[in-house]
Protein backbone atom coordinates (compact mmCIF):
# COMPACT_ATOMS: atom_id res chain seq x y z
CA MET A 1 -17.68 5.03 -10.28
CA PRO A 2 -18.88 6.30 -6.90
CA ASP A 3 -22.43 6.07 -5.65
CA VAL A 4 -25.16 8.46 -6.76
CA PHE A 5 -26.68 10.36 -3.84
CA ALA A 6 -29.89 12.11 -3.00
CA GLY A 7 -29.83 15.87 -2.87
CA ASN A 8 -27.49 18.30 -4.57
CA GLY A 9 -24.29 17.74 -2.61
CA LYS A 10 -22.11 14.83 -1.61
CA PRO A 11 -22.92 13.07 1.67
CA THR A 12 -20.59 14.22 4.44
CA ILE A 13 -18.82 11.73 6.67
CA LEU A 14 -17.13 12.94 9.83
CA VAL A 15 -14.12 10.70 10.53
CA VAL A 16 -13.10 10.87 14.19
CA GLU A 17 -9.69 9.21 14.38
CA ASP A 18 -6.43 10.13 16.14
CA GLU A 19 -4.18 7.80 14.09
CA ALA A 20 -2.93 10.00 11.24
CA PRO A 21 -2.04 7.17 8.77
CA LEU A 22 -5.48 5.56 9.17
CA LEU A 23 -7.18 8.93 8.86
CA THR A 24 -5.35 9.57 5.59
CA LEU A 25 -6.30 6.12 4.28
CA LEU A 26 -9.95 6.60 5.21
CA ARG A 27 -10.11 10.05 3.62
CA TYR A 28 -8.59 8.75 0.37
CA ASN A 29 -11.00 5.82 0.07
CA LEU A 30 -14.10 7.76 1.11
CA GLU A 31 -13.41 10.65 -1.26
CA LYS A 32 -12.76 8.14 -4.04
CA GLN A 33 -16.28 6.79 -3.43
CA GLY A 34 -17.80 10.26 -3.76
CA PHE A 35 -18.10 11.29 -0.12
CA ARG A 36 -17.16 14.62 1.42
CA VAL A 37 -14.90 14.04 4.43
CA GLU A 38 -14.56 16.09 7.61
CA GLU A 39 -11.98 15.20 10.26
CA ALA A 40 -11.66 15.34 14.02
CA ALA A 41 -8.72 14.05 16.04
CA ASP A 42 -10.43 13.85 19.45
CA GLY A 43 -13.84 13.62 21.03
CA GLN A 44 -14.22 17.28 21.93
CA GLU A 45 -13.41 18.37 18.38
CA ALA A 46 -15.89 15.81 17.07
CA LEU A 47 -18.75 17.25 19.16
CA LEU A 48 -17.81 20.76 18.05
CA ARG A 49 -17.79 19.82 14.35
CA VAL A 50 -21.14 18.08 14.61
CA SER A 51 -22.59 21.18 16.28
CA GLU A 52 -21.24 23.43 13.54
CA THR A 53 -22.26 21.30 10.55
CA LYS A 54 -24.21 18.10 11.00
CA PRO A 55 -22.69 15.30 8.88
CA ASP A 56 -24.64 12.48 7.23
CA LEU A 57 -22.67 9.83 9.13
CA VAL A 58 -19.99 9.66 11.83
CA LEU A 59 -17.16 7.14 11.66
CA LEU A 60 -16.11 7.16 15.29
CA ASP A 61 -13.00 5.64 16.86
CA TRP A 62 -13.56 4.28 20.36
CA MET A 63 -10.10 5.04 21.80
CA LEU A 64 -9.71 8.81 21.58
CA PRO A 65 -7.73 11.27 23.70
CA ALA A 66 -9.59 13.39 26.30
CA LEU A 67 -13.10 12.15 25.46
CA SER A 68 -13.72 8.55 24.35
CA GLY A 69 -15.71 7.64 21.29
CA LEU A 70 -18.19 5.92 23.58
CA GLU A 71 -18.85 9.17 25.43
CA VAL A 72 -19.09 11.09 22.16
CA CYS A 73 -21.72 8.62 20.97
CA ARG A 74 -23.59 8.92 24.27
CA GLN A 75 -23.66 12.73 24.08
CA LEU A 76 -24.77 12.74 20.44
CA ARG A 77 -27.67 10.44 21.30
CA ARG A 78 -28.78 12.80 24.08
CA ARG A 79 -29.13 15.73 21.66
CA PRO A 80 -32.44 15.92 19.76
CA ALA A 81 -30.66 17.14 16.60
CA THR A 82 -28.32 14.12 16.46
CA ARG A 83 -30.47 11.43 18.04
CA GLU A 84 -30.89 9.69 14.68
CA LEU A 85 -27.44 10.52 13.25
CA PRO A 86 -25.87 7.33 11.78
CA ILE A 87 -22.79 6.30 13.78
CA ILE A 88 -20.32 3.50 13.08
CA MET A 89 -17.95 2.72 15.93
CA VAL A 90 -14.42 1.71 14.89
CA THR A 91 -12.16 0.10 17.46
CA ALA A 92 -9.28 -2.25 18.15
CA ARG A 93 -11.36 -3.84 20.92
CA THR A 94 -12.56 -7.23 19.71
CA GLU A 95 -14.45 -8.74 22.65
CA ASP A 96 -18.13 -9.49 22.13
CA GLN A 97 -19.08 -7.44 25.18
CA ASP A 98 -17.35 -4.41 23.65
CA ALA A 99 -19.56 -4.64 20.58
CA VAL A 100 -22.64 -4.95 22.81
CA ARG A 101 -21.52 -1.94 24.84
CA ALA A 102 -21.01 0.19 21.73
CA LEU A 103 -24.42 -0.75 20.30
CA ASP A 104 -26.15 -0.24 23.65
CA THR A 105 -24.62 3.23 23.86
CA GLY A 106 -26.25 4.13 20.56
CA ALA A 107 -23.89 3.17 17.75
CA ASP A 108 -25.71 1.84 14.67
CA ASP A 109 -22.85 -0.46 13.69
CA TYR A 110 -19.49 -1.65 14.99
CA ILE A 111 -16.34 -2.73 13.13
CA ALA A 112 -13.07 -3.97 14.65
CA LYS A 113 -9.57 -3.06 13.49
CA PRO A 114 -7.97 -4.20 11.32
CA PHE A 115 -10.80 -4.18 8.81
CA ALA A 116 -11.16 -4.61 5.06
CA MET A 117 -11.85 -1.24 3.44
CA GLU A 118 -14.47 -2.69 1.09
CA GLY A 119 -16.31 -4.14 4.05
CA LEU A 120 -16.35 -0.78 5.82
CA LEU A 121 -17.54 1.00 2.68
CA ALA A 122 -20.35 -1.53 2.31
CA ARG A 123 -21.46 -0.87 5.91
CA ILE A 124 -21.38 2.89 5.29
CA ARG A 125 -23.47 2.59 2.14
CA ALA A 126 -25.96 0.28 3.86
CA LEU A 127 -26.38 2.64 6.81
CA LEU A 128 -26.79 5.66 4.55
CA ARG A 129 -29.38 3.82 2.48
CA ARG A 130 -31.36 3.09 5.63
CA SER A 131 -31.22 6.77 6.57
CA GLY A 132 -32.42 7.75 3.08
CA THR A 133 -29.19 9.38 1.89
CA VAL A 134 -27.99 6.96 -0.79
CA VAL A 135 -30.53 6.29 -3.52
CA ALA A 136 -28.54 4.44 -6.17
CA LYS A 137 -25.17 2.88 -6.91
CA GLY A 138 -24.77 3.63 -10.59
CA THR A 139 -22.80 1.91 -13.33
CA LEU A 140 -19.28 0.51 -13.50
CA ALA A 141 -17.54 -0.04 -16.82
CA TYR A 142 -14.24 -1.21 -18.26
CA ARG A 143 -13.66 -1.34 -22.02
CA ASP A 144 -16.68 -3.20 -23.48
CA LEU A 145 -17.82 -4.56 -20.12
CA THR A 146 -20.61 -2.81 -18.16
CA MET A 147 -22.13 -3.50 -14.74
CA ASP A 148 -25.45 -1.92 -13.76
CA GLN A 149 -25.28 -2.16 -9.96
CA ASP A 150 -28.91 -1.17 -9.42
CA ALA A 151 -30.30 -3.78 -11.82
CA HIS A 152 -27.58 -6.27 -10.83
CA ARG A 153 -26.94 -6.82 -14.55
CA VAL A 154 -23.63 -7.30 -16.37
CA THR A 155 -23.18 -7.07 -20.15
CA ARG A 156 -20.28 -7.27 -22.58
CA ASN A 157 -20.81 -6.04 -26.13
CA ALA A 158 -24.58 -6.16 -25.39
CA ARG A 159 -24.23 -9.84 -24.36
CA ALA A 160 -25.77 -10.56 -20.97
CA LEU A 161 -23.39 -12.32 -18.57
CA HIS A 162 -24.70 -14.84 -16.07
CA LEU A 163 -22.63 -14.68 -12.89
CA GLY A 164 -22.90 -16.42 -9.56
CA PRO A 165 -22.98 -14.23 -6.42
CA THR A 166 -19.27 -14.62 -5.69
CA GLU A 167 -18.25 -14.00 -9.31
CA TYR A 168 -20.43 -10.90 -9.33
CA ARG A 169 -18.73 -9.52 -6.20
CA LEU A 170 -15.30 -10.34 -7.62
CA LEU A 171 -16.06 -8.53 -10.86
CA GLU A 172 -17.56 -5.57 -9.00
CA PHE A 173 -14.37 -5.27 -6.94
CA PHE A 174 -12.19 -5.48 -10.04
CA LEU A 175 -14.31 -2.85 -11.82
CA GLN A 176 -13.81 -0.52 -8.87
CA HIS A 177 -10.02 -0.92 -9.22
CA PRO A 178 -9.22 -1.55 -12.92
CA GLY A 179 -5.59 -2.26 -13.76
CA ARG A 180 -4.55 -2.91 -10.16
CA VAL A 181 -3.11 -6.31 -9.25
CA PHE A 182 -4.53 -8.01 -6.16
CA THR A 183 -3.14 -11.05 -4.36
CA ARG A 184 -5.40 -13.95 -3.46
CA GLU A 185 -5.32 -12.82 0.18
CA GLN A 186 -6.39 -9.28 -0.74
CA LEU A 187 -9.26 -10.62 -2.83
CA LEU A 188 -10.34 -12.89 0.02
CA ASP A 189 -10.41 -9.93 2.43
CA ALA A 190 -12.29 -7.68 0.00
CA VAL A 191 -14.82 -10.13 -1.44
CA TRP A 192 -15.28 -12.84 1.20
CA GLY A 193 -14.39 -10.77 4.29
CA ARG A 194 -11.79 -11.30 6.97
CA ASP A 195 -14.17 -13.15 9.25
CA ILE A 196 -14.72 -15.94 6.70
CA HIS A 197 -12.11 -18.71 6.49
CA VAL A 198 -11.59 -19.66 2.86
CA GLU A 199 -8.53 -21.30 1.32
CA PRO A 200 -6.60 -18.92 -1.00
CA ARG A 201 -6.85 -21.45 -3.85
CA THR A 202 -10.62 -20.97 -3.76
CA VAL A 203 -9.98 -17.63 -5.45
CA ASP A 204 -8.50 -19.46 -8.46
CA VAL A 205 -11.70 -21.48 -8.87
CA HIS A 206 -13.89 -18.39 -8.92
CA ILE A 207 -11.50 -16.54 -11.23
CA ARG A 208 -11.81 -19.42 -13.72
CA ARG A 209 -15.60 -19.22 -13.49
CA LEU A 210 -15.51 -15.46 -13.93
CA ARG A 211 -13.23 -15.78 -16.98
CA LYS A 212 -15.56 -18.33 -18.55
CA ALA A 213 -18.55 -16.02 -18.10
CA VAL A 214 -16.84 -12.77 -19.14
CA ASN A 215 -14.75 -13.87 -22.10
CA GLY A 216 -16.46 -14.91 -25.31
CA THR A 217 -14.76 -17.02 -27.97
CA THR A 218 -13.51 -13.98 -29.92
CA GLU A 219 -13.19 -11.44 -27.10
CA ALA A 220 -10.02 -10.39 -25.31
CA ASP A 221 -9.37 -11.92 -21.88
CA LEU A 222 -10.06 -9.09 -19.40
CA ILE A 223 -8.78 -10.97 -16.34
CA ARG A 224 -4.98 -10.87 -16.28
CA THR A 225 -2.99 -13.38 -14.24
CA VAL A 226 0.25 -12.00 -12.84
CA ARG A 227 2.58 -14.84 -11.96
CA ALA A 228 3.51 -14.97 -8.26
CA ALA A 229 1.43 -11.81 -7.66
CA GLY A 230 -2.27 -12.28 -8.33
CA TYR A 231 -5.00 -11.06 -10.65
CA ALA A 232 -6.16 -7.81 -12.26
CA LEU A 233 -8.94 -6.53 -14.46
CA ASP A 234 -6.57 -5.59 -17.25
CA ALA A 235 -6.53 -6.99 -20.77
CA ASP A 236 -3.17 -8.63 -21.36
CA PRO A 237 -1.53 -6.90 -24.34
CA GLY A 238 0.42 -10.05 -25.06
């Protein structure tokens, strides 16, 4: 279930990206989370779109044709109407000084390609919360399992589940993608993050802990193991 937002409409994110496959991927994931997505393929178009309809957040690629993302950010910060507009800079540049340069220019956050989609979405939600746009996360549910994200509470058949922080994040990720099989590496990227070095077998340990917490003695096992593939939130019919 996507976030619940303040106001009557969906928050609008302007995605400024000249790589068509990445733009398509971003649009799909953002719309799935309940955002309205506008697109711009270069810096000039981005400035024009912001002038026409101010978005709630700009996801801005650094390397753009004609006008760089850095210059777009600089110009937006010079305008009174967009001085406080949340901006996340997205780039293939990975040097520390590049991050400093982007932040000094006025970007609120910086993420390097390639990035985990869940990590980017978390940054977007955090930035929107700080700007007062996002007011609540809502509830995720699968079969008889329910997660209240605001209260940080998980129940199954009215039974409260006691989860550690990592098990909670694992379950939250599974609840956002029920039925889909994820490899250990995909789970590491989504839950731990790409910048954290963790052995893939660590996932197995946390899956066992999650199973123990989620599955009662008479309840169906909701965590399915797919041999040579990974794990899914999907009750095994067999």
